[in-house]
Amino acid sequence: MPSITRLTPADHRRVPWKNGQGVTTELAVEPLDDAAGQGRFLWRVSIADVTVAGPFSAFPGYDRLIAVVEGAGMRLSVDGAPPVERRRLEPAFAFPGEAAVWCEPTAGPIRDVNLMLDRAGATGALTLLAGAGHPVSSHRAQGDALLIHALAGTVAVTPDGGESVTLPAGHSLLLRGLAAQVEVAADAEAVCAEVRRR
């Protein structure tokens, strides 16, 4: 059954990192049907602040997509490979959750957004949108579940066959079973997570 749920900052949940070195703000999560209290999820979208260099927590069995939404950027070294640099609002970087990852902010603290997907149950994409001079200011979002989160300014989400919903900064829209057009104003920024069940 298609559904649309508006999420506000009051719906967010603060979750300690598995390695104990920070805290993640969980925007939305879908538990696995058969997790039986094991804490596993089908997918999760979260935002984290990284202030110093350090290792990422391990998430065996998950695929991860990460992008910088505040701050200059970060360098990621995955399983000892040469570092990969990602700057603010650049396309998301994908890596396996079980990999040994070292993260180093390039010039001061950063904030990143994460999409985690249970590899056996889902695939997905993470798209950053920004107005005024950025390449992606509108996006056609499709999937079994969509999470659109307004980072700044005003974001308009128009579900197929429905009326446009305006999101202020810090708010999200969770759509299930519906495609949608996402558009950001000139001063706005947003992130769109698309999840498809396998």
Protein backbone atom coordinates (compact mmCIF):
# COMPACT_ATOMS: atom_id res chain seq x y z
CA MET A 1 0.00 0.00 0.00
CA PRO A 2 1.58 3.33 -1.04
CA SER A 3 2.20 5.73 1.83
CA ILE A 4 3.72 9.13 2.57
CA THR A 5 5.14 10.01 6.00
CA ARG A 6 6.53 13.37 7.03
CA LEU A 7 9.42 13.17 9.49
CA THR A 8 10.56 16.10 11.64
CA PRO A 9 13.69 16.52 13.77
CA ALA A 10 11.65 15.18 16.70
CA ASP A 11 11.51 11.82 14.88
CA HIS A 12 15.30 11.54 14.61
CA ARG A 13 17.19 9.16 16.86
CA ARG A 14 20.72 9.60 18.19
CA VAL A 15 22.66 6.34 17.96
CA PRO A 16 26.21 5.77 19.28
CA TRP A 17 28.73 4.53 16.72
CA LYS A 18 29.49 0.84 17.01
CA ASN A 19 33.15 1.71 17.63
CA GLY A 20 32.21 4.17 20.39
CA GLN A 21 33.96 7.14 18.75
CA GLY A 22 30.93 9.27 17.86
CA VAL A 23 27.17 9.54 17.43
CA THR A 24 24.96 9.21 14.36
CA THR A 25 21.61 10.93 13.82
CA GLU A 26 19.27 8.33 12.34
CA LEU A 27 16.81 9.98 9.92
CA ALA A 28 14.93 6.79 8.98
CA VAL A 29 15.43 3.05 9.28
CA GLU A 30 13.57 -0.07 8.18
CA PRO A 31 14.20 -3.10 10.41
CA LEU A 32 14.60 -6.49 8.77
CA ASP A 33 11.44 -8.57 9.01
CA ASP A 34 13.38 -11.55 10.35
CA ALA A 35 15.90 -9.66 12.49
CA ALA A 36 14.30 -11.05 15.68
CA GLY A 37 15.83 -8.39 17.90
CA GLN A 38 19.31 -8.69 16.40
CA GLY A 39 19.39 -4.99 15.52
CA ARG A 40 19.81 -5.56 11.78
CA PHE A 41 17.95 -3.39 9.29
CA LEU A 42 17.07 -3.53 5.61
CA TRP A 43 18.20 0.07 5.12
CA ARG A 44 19.09 3.15 7.12
CA VAL A 45 19.69 6.81 6.30
CA SER A 46 21.72 8.77 8.82
CA ILE A 47 23.86 11.89 9.28
CA ALA A 48 27.09 11.99 11.27
CA ASP A 49 29.61 14.62 12.33
CA VAL A 50 33.27 13.72 11.88
CA THR A 51 35.64 16.03 13.74
CA VAL A 52 38.92 14.07 13.70
CA ALA A 53 40.53 11.30 11.66
CA GLY A 54 39.64 7.77 12.65
CA PRO A 55 38.23 4.38 11.62
CA PHE A 56 34.67 3.69 10.52
CA SER A 57 32.60 1.10 12.33
CA ALA A 58 32.32 -2.27 10.58
CA PHE A 59 28.92 -3.29 9.18
CA PRO A 60 29.38 -6.79 7.71
CA GLY A 61 26.78 -7.71 5.09
CA TYR A 62 25.91 -4.12 4.23
CA ASP A 63 26.67 -1.87 1.29
CA ARG A 64 27.31 1.77 2.17
CA LEU A 65 27.00 5.05 0.29
CA ILE A 66 28.44 8.20 1.87
CA ALA A 67 28.57 11.87 0.85
CA VAL A 68 29.79 15.10 2.46
CA VAL A 69 27.05 17.68 3.14
CA GLU A 70 28.94 20.17 5.36
CA GLY A 71 32.60 21.08 5.60
CA ALA A 72 35.35 20.98 2.99
CA GLY A 73 35.67 17.25 2.43
CA MET A 74 37.22 13.97 3.54
CA ARG A 75 39.68 11.30 2.45
CA LEU A 76 38.69 7.66 2.74
CA SER A 77 41.12 4.77 2.63
CA VAL A 78 39.35 1.42 2.10
CA ASP A 79 41.20 -1.79 2.98
CA GLY A 80 44.55 -0.05 2.57
CA ALA A 81 43.89 1.23 -0.96
CA PRO A 82 45.06 4.73 -1.97
CA PRO A 83 42.81 7.37 -0.39
CA VAL A 84 39.73 8.62 -2.24
CA GLU A 85 38.76 12.26 -1.69
CA ARG A 86 35.18 13.48 -1.58
CA ARG A 87 34.30 17.17 -1.32
CA ARG A 88 31.07 18.76 -0.22
CA LEU A 89 28.04 17.83 -2.39
CA GLU A 90 30.09 15.59 -4.67
CA PRO A 91 28.54 12.25 -5.72
CA ALA A 92 28.30 9.60 -3.03
CA PHE A 93 31.13 7.11 -2.52
CA ALA A 94 30.22 3.40 -2.30
CA PHE A 95 32.07 0.77 -0.27
CA PRO A 96 31.35 -2.53 1.51
CA GLY A 97 30.37 -2.26 5.16
CA GLU A 98 32.82 -4.92 6.29
CA ALA A 99 35.83 -3.08 4.80
CA ALA A 100 38.44 -1.48 7.04
CA VAL A 101 37.93 2.24 6.38
CA TRP A 102 40.01 5.15 7.64
CA CYS A 103 38.43 8.61 7.33
CA GLU A 104 40.31 11.90 7.51
CA PRO A 105 38.61 15.32 7.18
CA THR A 106 40.65 17.42 4.74
CA ALA A 107 40.18 20.83 6.37
CA GLY A 108 38.28 20.81 9.63
CA PRO A 109 35.13 18.98 10.77
CA ILE A 110 32.61 17.63 8.28
CA ARG A 111 29.08 16.29 8.28
CA ASP A 112 28.24 13.32 6.09
CA VAL A 113 25.11 11.48 5.06
CA ASN A 114 25.03 7.68 4.91
CA LEU A 115 22.78 5.18 3.17
CA MET A 116 23.30 1.63 4.42
CA LEU A 117 21.69 -1.31 2.62
CA ASP A 118 21.46 -4.94 3.66
CA ARG A 119 23.31 -6.53 0.73
CA ALA A 120 21.08 -9.60 0.59
CA GLY A 121 17.85 -7.64 0.66
CA ALA A 122 18.23 -4.29 -1.07
CA THR A 123 20.09 -2.06 -3.50
CA GLY A 124 19.92 1.70 -3.68
CA ALA A 125 21.24 5.10 -4.63
CA LEU A 126 22.09 8.33 -2.81
CA THR A 127 21.70 11.60 -4.74
CA LEU A 128 22.60 15.11 -3.58
CA LEU A 129 20.65 18.05 -4.98
CA ALA A 130 21.50 21.75 -4.80
CA GLY A 131 20.27 24.89 -6.55
CA ALA A 132 22.11 27.89 -7.97
CA GLY A 133 25.01 26.71 -10.06
CA HIS A 134 25.09 23.06 -9.06
CA PRO A 135 24.52 20.33 -11.64
CA VAL A 136 21.58 18.55 -9.94
CA SER A 137 18.65 20.73 -8.86
CA SER A 138 15.85 18.29 -9.70
CA HIS A 139 15.65 14.52 -9.59
CA ARG A 140 13.16 11.83 -10.52
CA ALA A 141 13.20 9.46 -7.52
CA GLN A 142 12.01 5.88 -7.84
CA GLY A 143 12.16 2.83 -5.58
CA ASP A 144 10.28 0.73 -3.07
CA ALA A 145 11.20 3.31 -0.44
CA LEU A 146 12.34 6.92 -0.87
CA LEU A 147 13.72 9.19 1.83
CA ILE A 148 14.06 12.84 0.83
CA HIS A 149 15.73 15.06 3.43
CA ALA A 150 16.00 18.85 3.23
CA LEU A 151 19.48 19.98 4.24
CA ALA A 152 18.92 23.70 3.63
CA GLY A 153 16.33 26.03 2.12
CA THR A 154 13.06 24.73 0.67
CA VAL A 155 12.62 21.39 -1.05
CA ALA A 156 9.51 20.42 -3.06
CA VAL A 157 8.52 16.77 -3.41
CA THR A 158 5.72 15.86 -5.83
CA PRO A 159 4.61 12.22 -5.61
CA ASP A 160 3.13 10.69 -8.76
CA GLY A 161 -0.57 11.49 -8.84
CA GLY A 162 -0.37 13.66 -5.74
CA GLU A 163 0.12 17.22 -4.59
CA SER A 164 3.50 18.82 -3.97
CA VAL A 165 4.83 18.73 -0.41
CA THR A 166 7.22 21.46 0.79
CA LEU A 167 9.98 20.47 3.20
CA PRO A 168 11.85 23.01 5.34
CA ALA A 169 15.43 22.35 6.40
CA GLY A 170 15.78 19.43 8.79
CA HIS A 171 12.58 17.72 7.67
CA SER A 172 12.17 14.57 5.57
CA LEU A 173 9.56 12.76 3.54
CA LEU A 174 9.40 8.96 3.47
CA LEU A 175 7.53 7.50 0.51
CA ARG A 176 6.73 3.83 0.02
CA GLY A 177 5.50 2.45 -3.29
CA LEU A 178 5.53 5.87 -4.96
CA ALA A 179 7.84 7.62 -7.39
CA ALA A 180 8.31 11.38 -6.99
CA GLN A 181 9.86 14.47 -8.53
CA VAL A 182 12.23 16.30 -6.18
CA GLU A 183 13.13 19.96 -6.81
CA VAL A 184 15.22 22.36 -4.77
CA ALA A 185 15.04 26.15 -4.69
CA ALA A 186 18.07 28.29 -5.63
CA ASP A 187 19.33 28.43 -2.03
CA ALA A 188 18.33 24.87 -1.12
CA GLU A 189 20.11 21.54 -0.70
CA ALA A 190 18.67 18.07 -0.27
CA VAL A 191 19.59 14.41 -0.20
CA CYS A 192 17.51 11.67 -1.81
CA ALA A 193 17.90 8.01 -0.84
CA GLU A 194 16.28 5.43 -3.11
CA VAL A 195 15.90 1.84 -1.94
CA ARG A 196 14.88 -1.14 -4.03
CA ARG A 197 14.18 -4.54 -2.51
CA ARG A 198 15.93 -7.48 -4.16
